[in-house]
């Protein structure tokens, strides 16, 4: 039987399943709508789709390091309770290991894991555990040596904040100190050269407005801005920051003393940038009545 776009849309409307999943279901059962719904349910796809609208802002970051390459992934869940689930933790660890062989999150979703794609593994886990989950992002760091650190680890290589540091020279102990500094201070970039120009320009405009409120001459204001911007850059760039282990030194100076050069880093924290939806059941009921 020919599967039409109208049939696929109808099945999607009834189940919330994805377009490709709906088409596959209809193909498997020769266009029988009821059988297609059952097929999706047995695969866990209809159930997973119904949960896809829920905000998944909890979860874990997972880290994997092989030689001079480190990768960190974020897999979200709806509740912190699920993040403590052993099955969820095993899945995140496996996804982190798979991420070492790909370049971006889209490739990771399509990568093979236990005879399925990573995306299918996540979908299956949604159906089994009963919460929405998502593989949100991944990042990699490469260097002469890569040191990892997980803050408040839930299990080896898993936690709420994951950090990777690439070092040239130095040793693991120093790399770990730098990673802990990054976890605590959250620098915006490695150096001024790596900082987003939009961030610099925004801060400059803010400081100019503040300085002009003082009513001082433009020549004086320019000098004020130069000093304030130098202070700002020192505060937001890793190499310019006061090292938490020894605040008398910048990270760059501490690295020099340790015979090391920090060549890159990444910091990933669960839920960064996700707006958590606040449920207002009274308003929801009122809207339904209206």
Protein backbone atom coordinates (compact mmCIF):
# COMPACT_ATOMS: atom_id res chain seq x y z
CA UNK A 1 0.00 0.00 0.00
CA UNK A 2 1.33 3.48 -0.86
CA UNK A 3 2.04 5.57 2.23
CA UNK A 4 0.87 9.13 1.70
CA UNK A 5 1.93 12.36 3.41
CA UNK A 6 -1.64 12.70 4.73
CA UNK A 7 -1.40 9.31 6.45
CA UNK A 8 1.94 10.19 8.00
CA UNK A 9 0.56 13.50 9.30
CA UNK A 10 -2.48 11.79 10.79
CA UNK A 11 -0.32 9.28 12.61
CA UNK A 12 1.98 12.01 13.88
CA UNK A 13 -1.00 14.02 15.14
CA UNK A 14 -2.30 10.99 17.04
CA UNK A 15 0.98 9.85 18.55
CA UNK A 16 3.38 12.79 18.51
CA UNK A 17 5.98 10.56 16.88
CA UNK A 18 8.59 11.94 14.48
CA UNK A 19 7.93 12.01 10.73
CA UNK A 20 10.41 9.25 9.85
CA UNK A 21 9.19 7.04 12.72
CA UNK A 22 5.57 7.52 11.63
CA UNK A 23 6.38 6.67 8.02
CA UNK A 24 8.35 3.59 9.07
CA UNK A 25 5.48 2.40 11.29
CA UNK A 26 2.95 2.72 8.46
CA UNK A 27 5.29 0.92 6.07
CA UNK A 28 5.82 -1.94 8.53
CA UNK A 29 2.05 -2.55 8.88
CA UNK A 30 1.04 -1.81 5.29
CA UNK A 31 -0.81 1.41 6.10
CA UNK A 32 -3.03 0.12 8.93
CA UNK A 33 -3.40 3.18 11.20
CA UNK A 34 -4.34 1.31 14.40
CA UNK A 35 -1.57 -1.23 13.87
CA UNK A 36 0.89 1.61 13.23
CA UNK A 37 -0.06 3.20 16.56
CA UNK A 38 0.54 -0.12 18.31
CA UNK A 39 3.84 -0.53 16.45
CA UNK A 40 5.03 2.86 17.70
CA UNK A 41 3.94 2.06 21.23
CA UNK A 42 5.78 -1.27 21.26
CA UNK A 43 8.92 0.52 20.12
CA UNK A 44 8.47 3.16 22.81
CA UNK A 45 8.33 5.90 20.20
CA UNK A 46 4.83 7.16 20.89
CA UNK A 47 5.46 7.29 24.61
CA UNK A 48 8.77 9.07 24.11
CA UNK A 49 7.21 11.63 21.82
CA UNK A 50 4.52 12.53 24.34
CA UNK A 51 7.24 13.47 26.80
CA UNK A 52 9.29 15.49 24.32
CA UNK A 53 7.62 18.78 25.27
CA UNK A 54 8.77 18.60 28.86
CA UNK A 55 11.76 20.68 29.87
CA UNK A 56 14.86 18.55 30.42
CA UNK A 57 17.25 20.81 32.32
CA UNK A 58 18.81 18.32 34.74
CA UNK A 59 21.05 15.41 33.84
CA UNK A 60 24.80 14.85 33.63
CA UNK A 61 27.90 15.77 31.72
CA UNK A 62 30.12 12.86 30.77
CA UNK A 63 33.83 13.03 29.97
CA UNK A 64 36.09 10.72 27.98
CA UNK A 65 39.81 11.23 27.37
CA UNK A 66 41.93 9.19 24.98
CA UNK A 67 45.54 10.29 24.57
CA UNK A 68 45.64 13.88 23.40
CA UNK A 69 41.90 14.21 22.82
CA UNK A 70 39.18 14.83 25.35
CA UNK A 71 35.44 15.06 24.82
CA UNK A 72 32.60 16.18 27.06
CA UNK A 73 28.89 15.62 26.40
CA UNK A 74 25.72 16.86 28.08
CA UNK A 75 22.73 14.54 28.35
CA UNK A 76 19.68 16.08 29.96
CA UNK A 77 16.80 14.62 31.96
CA UNK A 78 13.79 16.24 33.61
CA UNK A 79 14.79 15.53 37.21
CA UNK A 80 17.95 15.16 39.23
CA UNK A 81 16.52 11.86 40.49
CA UNK A 82 17.04 10.31 37.05
CA UNK A 83 20.58 11.70 36.93
CA UNK A 84 21.30 9.45 39.92
CA UNK A 85 19.84 6.40 38.13
CA UNK A 86 22.52 3.80 37.35
CA UNK A 87 21.02 3.03 33.92
CA UNK A 88 21.06 6.70 32.96
CA UNK A 89 24.65 7.05 34.17
CA UNK A 90 25.76 4.00 32.15
CA UNK A 91 24.12 5.47 29.06
CA UNK A 92 25.86 8.84 29.48
CA UNK A 93 29.23 7.13 29.96
CA UNK A 94 28.68 5.08 26.81
CA UNK A 95 27.65 8.17 24.83
CA UNK A 96 30.78 10.02 26.02
CA UNK A 97 32.95 7.12 24.84
CA UNK A 98 31.19 7.12 21.45
CA UNK A 99 31.74 10.87 21.16
CA UNK A 100 35.51 10.34 21.00
CA UNK A 101 35.08 8.98 17.48
CA UNK A 102 32.96 11.81 15.99
CA UNK A 103 33.27 15.54 15.35
CA UNK A 104 29.92 17.04 16.37
CA UNK A 105 26.67 16.30 18.15
CA UNK A 106 24.75 15.44 14.95
CA UNK A 107 27.34 12.81 14.05
CA UNK A 108 27.15 11.56 17.63
CA UNK A 109 23.37 11.12 17.46
CA UNK A 110 23.85 8.95 14.36
CA UNK A 111 26.82 7.00 15.78
CA UNK A 112 26.48 3.28 16.53
CA UNK A 113 25.95 2.21 20.14
CA UNK A 114 24.91 -1.30 21.19
CA UNK A 115 23.56 -2.12 17.74
CA UNK A 116 21.49 1.08 17.48
CA UNK A 117 22.17 4.76 16.91
CA UNK A 118 22.87 6.92 19.96
CA UNK A 119 19.61 8.78 19.28
CA UNK A 120 17.66 5.49 19.32
CA UNK A 121 19.35 4.48 22.58
CA UNK A 122 18.21 7.75 24.18
CA UNK A 123 14.67 7.26 22.83
CA UNK A 124 14.54 3.74 24.26
CA UNK A 125 15.69 5.04 27.64
CA UNK A 126 12.94 7.71 27.60
CA UNK A 127 10.36 4.98 27.13
CA UNK A 128 11.86 2.79 29.85
CA UNK A 129 12.53 5.41 32.54
CA UNK A 130 9.54 7.62 31.69
CA UNK A 131 11.18 11.04 31.51
CA UNK A 132 12.12 13.26 28.62
CA UNK A 133 15.85 13.17 27.85
CA UNK A 134 18.05 14.75 25.23
CA UNK A 135 21.60 14.63 24.00
CA UNK A 136 22.12 18.38 23.97
CA UNK A 137 25.73 19.09 23.05
CA UNK A 138 29.34 17.97 22.95
CA UNK A 139 32.72 19.68 22.84
CA UNK A 140 36.26 18.49 22.26
CA UNK A 141 39.75 19.62 23.25
CA UNK A 142 43.00 18.37 21.76
CA UNK A 143 46.57 18.94 22.87
CA UNK A 144 49.87 17.44 23.92
CA UNK A 145 48.05 16.17 27.00
CA UNK A 146 44.45 16.63 28.08
CA UNK A 147 43.47 16.68 31.74
CA UNK A 148 39.88 16.22 32.90
CA UNK A 149 38.03 17.20 36.03
CA UNK A 150 34.42 16.59 37.08
CA UNK A 151 33.01 18.68 39.90
CA UNK A 152 30.95 16.77 42.49
CA UNK A 153 31.23 13.57 40.49
CA UNK A 154 28.14 11.33 40.55
CA UNK A 155 30.27 8.48 39.18
CA UNK A 156 33.68 8.30 37.47
CA UNK A 157 33.70 10.82 34.61
CA UNK A 158 30.14 11.99 35.32
CA UNK A 159 28.85 15.06 37.13
CA UNK A 160 27.20 18.48 36.92
CA UNK A 161 30.29 20.36 35.72
CA UNK A 162 32.91 18.86 33.43
CA UNK A 163 36.22 20.50 32.47
CA UNK A 164 38.90 19.58 29.96
CA UNK A 165 42.28 21.34 29.85
CA UNK A 166 44.88 20.97 27.11
CA UNK A 167 48.47 21.42 28.27
CA UNK A 168 51.83 21.66 26.59
CA UNK A 169 54.46 20.64 29.13
CA UNK A 170 53.75 20.60 32.85
CA UNK A 171 52.19 17.65 34.63
CA UNK A 172 48.81 16.18 35.48
CA UNK A 173 48.76 17.69 38.98
CA UNK A 174 49.07 21.24 37.61
CA UNK A 175 46.54 20.49 34.88
CA UNK A 176 44.08 19.32 37.54
CA UNK A 177 44.55 22.56 39.48
CA UNK A 178 43.83 24.60 36.36
CA UNK A 179 40.77 22.48 35.63
CA UNK A 180 39.45 23.05 39.16
CA UNK A 181 40.06 26.79 38.73
CA UNK A 182 38.02 26.75 35.51
CA UNK A 183 35.19 24.84 37.18
CA UNK A 184 35.03 27.42 39.98
CA UNK A 185 35.63 30.69 38.09
CA UNK A 186 34.12 29.91 34.66
CA UNK A 187 36.31 32.05 32.38
CA UNK A 188 34.78 33.27 29.14
CA UNK A 189 37.82 32.41 27.01
CA UNK A 190 41.45 31.33 27.12
CA UNK A 191 42.85 34.78 26.27
CA UNK A 192 41.80 38.14 24.89
CA UNK A 193 42.44 36.85 21.36
CA UNK A 194 39.79 34.12 21.85
CA UNK A 195 37.16 36.35 23.45
CA UNK A 196 33.98 37.05 21.51
CA UNK A 197 34.30 40.65 20.17
CA UNK A 198 30.60 41.21 20.94
CA UNK A 199 31.28 40.63 24.65
CA UNK A 200 34.16 43.11 24.59
CA UNK A 201 32.12 45.75 22.75
CA UNK A 202 29.14 45.37 25.05
CA UNK A 203 31.32 45.83 28.14
CA UNK A 204 33.04 48.83 26.56
CA UNK A 205 29.70 50.52 25.90
CA UNK A 206 28.55 49.87 29.47
CA UNK A 207 31.76 51.32 30.88
CA UNK A 208 31.54 54.38 28.61
CA UNK A 209 28.01 55.13 29.84
CA UNK A 210 29.13 54.79 33.44
CA UNK A 211 32.16 57.01 32.85
CA UNK A 212 30.12 59.72 31.11
CA UNK A 213 27.80 59.90 34.09
CA UNK A 214 30.78 61.32 35.99
CA UNK A 215 30.77 64.39 33.75
CA UNK A 216 34.52 64.26 33.19
CA UNK A 217 36.19 65.38 29.92
CA UNK A 218 36.37 62.89 27.03
CA UNK A 219 40.18 62.65 27.28
CA UNK A 220 39.88 61.56 30.90
CA UNK A 221 37.04 59.18 30.06
CA UNK A 222 39.17 57.46 27.41
CA UNK A 223 41.89 56.75 29.98
CA UNK A 224 39.28 55.52 32.44
CA UNK A 225 37.83 53.15 29.83
CA UNK A 226 41.26 51.77 28.93
CA UNK A 227 41.96 50.92 32.56
CA UNK A 228 38.54 49.40 33.18
CA UNK A 229 38.71 47.28 30.02
CA UNK A 230 42.12 45.94 31.01
CA UNK A 231 40.65 44.95 34.37
CA UNK A 232 37.63 43.36 32.67
CA UNK A 233 39.81 41.30 30.31
CA UNK A 234 41.90 40.09 33.24
CA UNK A 235 38.75 38.98 35.03
CA UNK A 236 37.12 37.06 32.18
CA UNK A 237 40.08 35.42 30.40
CA UNK A 238 41.62 32.31 31.91
CA UNK A 239 45.26 33.30 31.44
CA UNK A 240 44.65 36.76 32.93
CA UNK A 241 42.74 35.59 36.01
CA UNK A 242 44.23 35.35 39.48
CA UNK A 243 44.98 31.66 40.03
CA UNK A 244 42.71 30.27 42.78
CA UNK A 245 45.55 28.09 44.11
CA UNK A 246 47.82 31.14 44.42
CA UNK A 247 46.00 34.47 43.91
CA UNK A 248 49.33 36.33 43.80
CA UNK A 249 49.90 34.82 40.35
CA UNK A 250 47.83 34.90 37.18
CA UNK A 251 47.08 31.54 35.59
CA UNK A 252 49.57 32.41 32.85
CA UNK A 253 52.30 33.15 35.40
CA UNK A 254 51.52 29.97 37.37
CA UNK A 255 51.72 27.94 34.16
CA UNK A 256 55.12 29.45 33.38
CA UNK A 257 56.39 28.52 36.85
CA UNK A 258 55.09 24.96 36.31
CA UNK A 259 56.85 24.73 32.94
CA UNK A 260 53.50 24.46 31.17
CA UNK A 261 51.42 26.25 28.60
CA UNK A 262 47.63 26.10 28.67
CA UNK A 263 46.59 25.74 25.03
CA UNK A 264 42.86 25.19 25.35
CA UNK A 265 39.97 24.32 27.63
CA UNK A 266 36.27 23.64 27.72
CA UNK A 267 33.85 23.90 30.63
CA UNK A 268 30.39 22.41 30.41
CA UNK A 269 27.70 22.70 33.09
CA UNK A 270 24.40 20.87 33.08
CA UNK A 271 21.46 23.07 32.10
CA UNK A 272 23.43 26.15 31.05
CA UNK A 273 21.16 28.43 29.05
CA UNK A 274 18.04 26.27 29.46
CA UNK A 275 15.03 28.19 30.68
CA UNK A 276 13.20 26.00 33.15
CA UNK A 277 9.45 26.18 32.71
CA UNK A 278 7.59 27.05 35.88
CA UNK A 279 4.36 25.10 36.05
CA UNK A 280 1.32 27.18 36.99
CA UNK A 281 -1.49 24.66 37.30
CA UNK A 282 -4.06 27.26 38.43
CA UNK A 283 -3.44 29.29 35.27
CA UNK A 284 -3.54 26.13 33.17
CA UNK A 285 -6.93 25.13 34.58
CA UNK A 286 -8.27 28.69 34.14
CA UNK A 287 -7.14 28.69 30.50
CA UNK A 288 -8.90 25.37 29.91
CA UNK A 289 -12.12 26.71 31.46
CA UNK A 290 -11.86 29.85 29.30
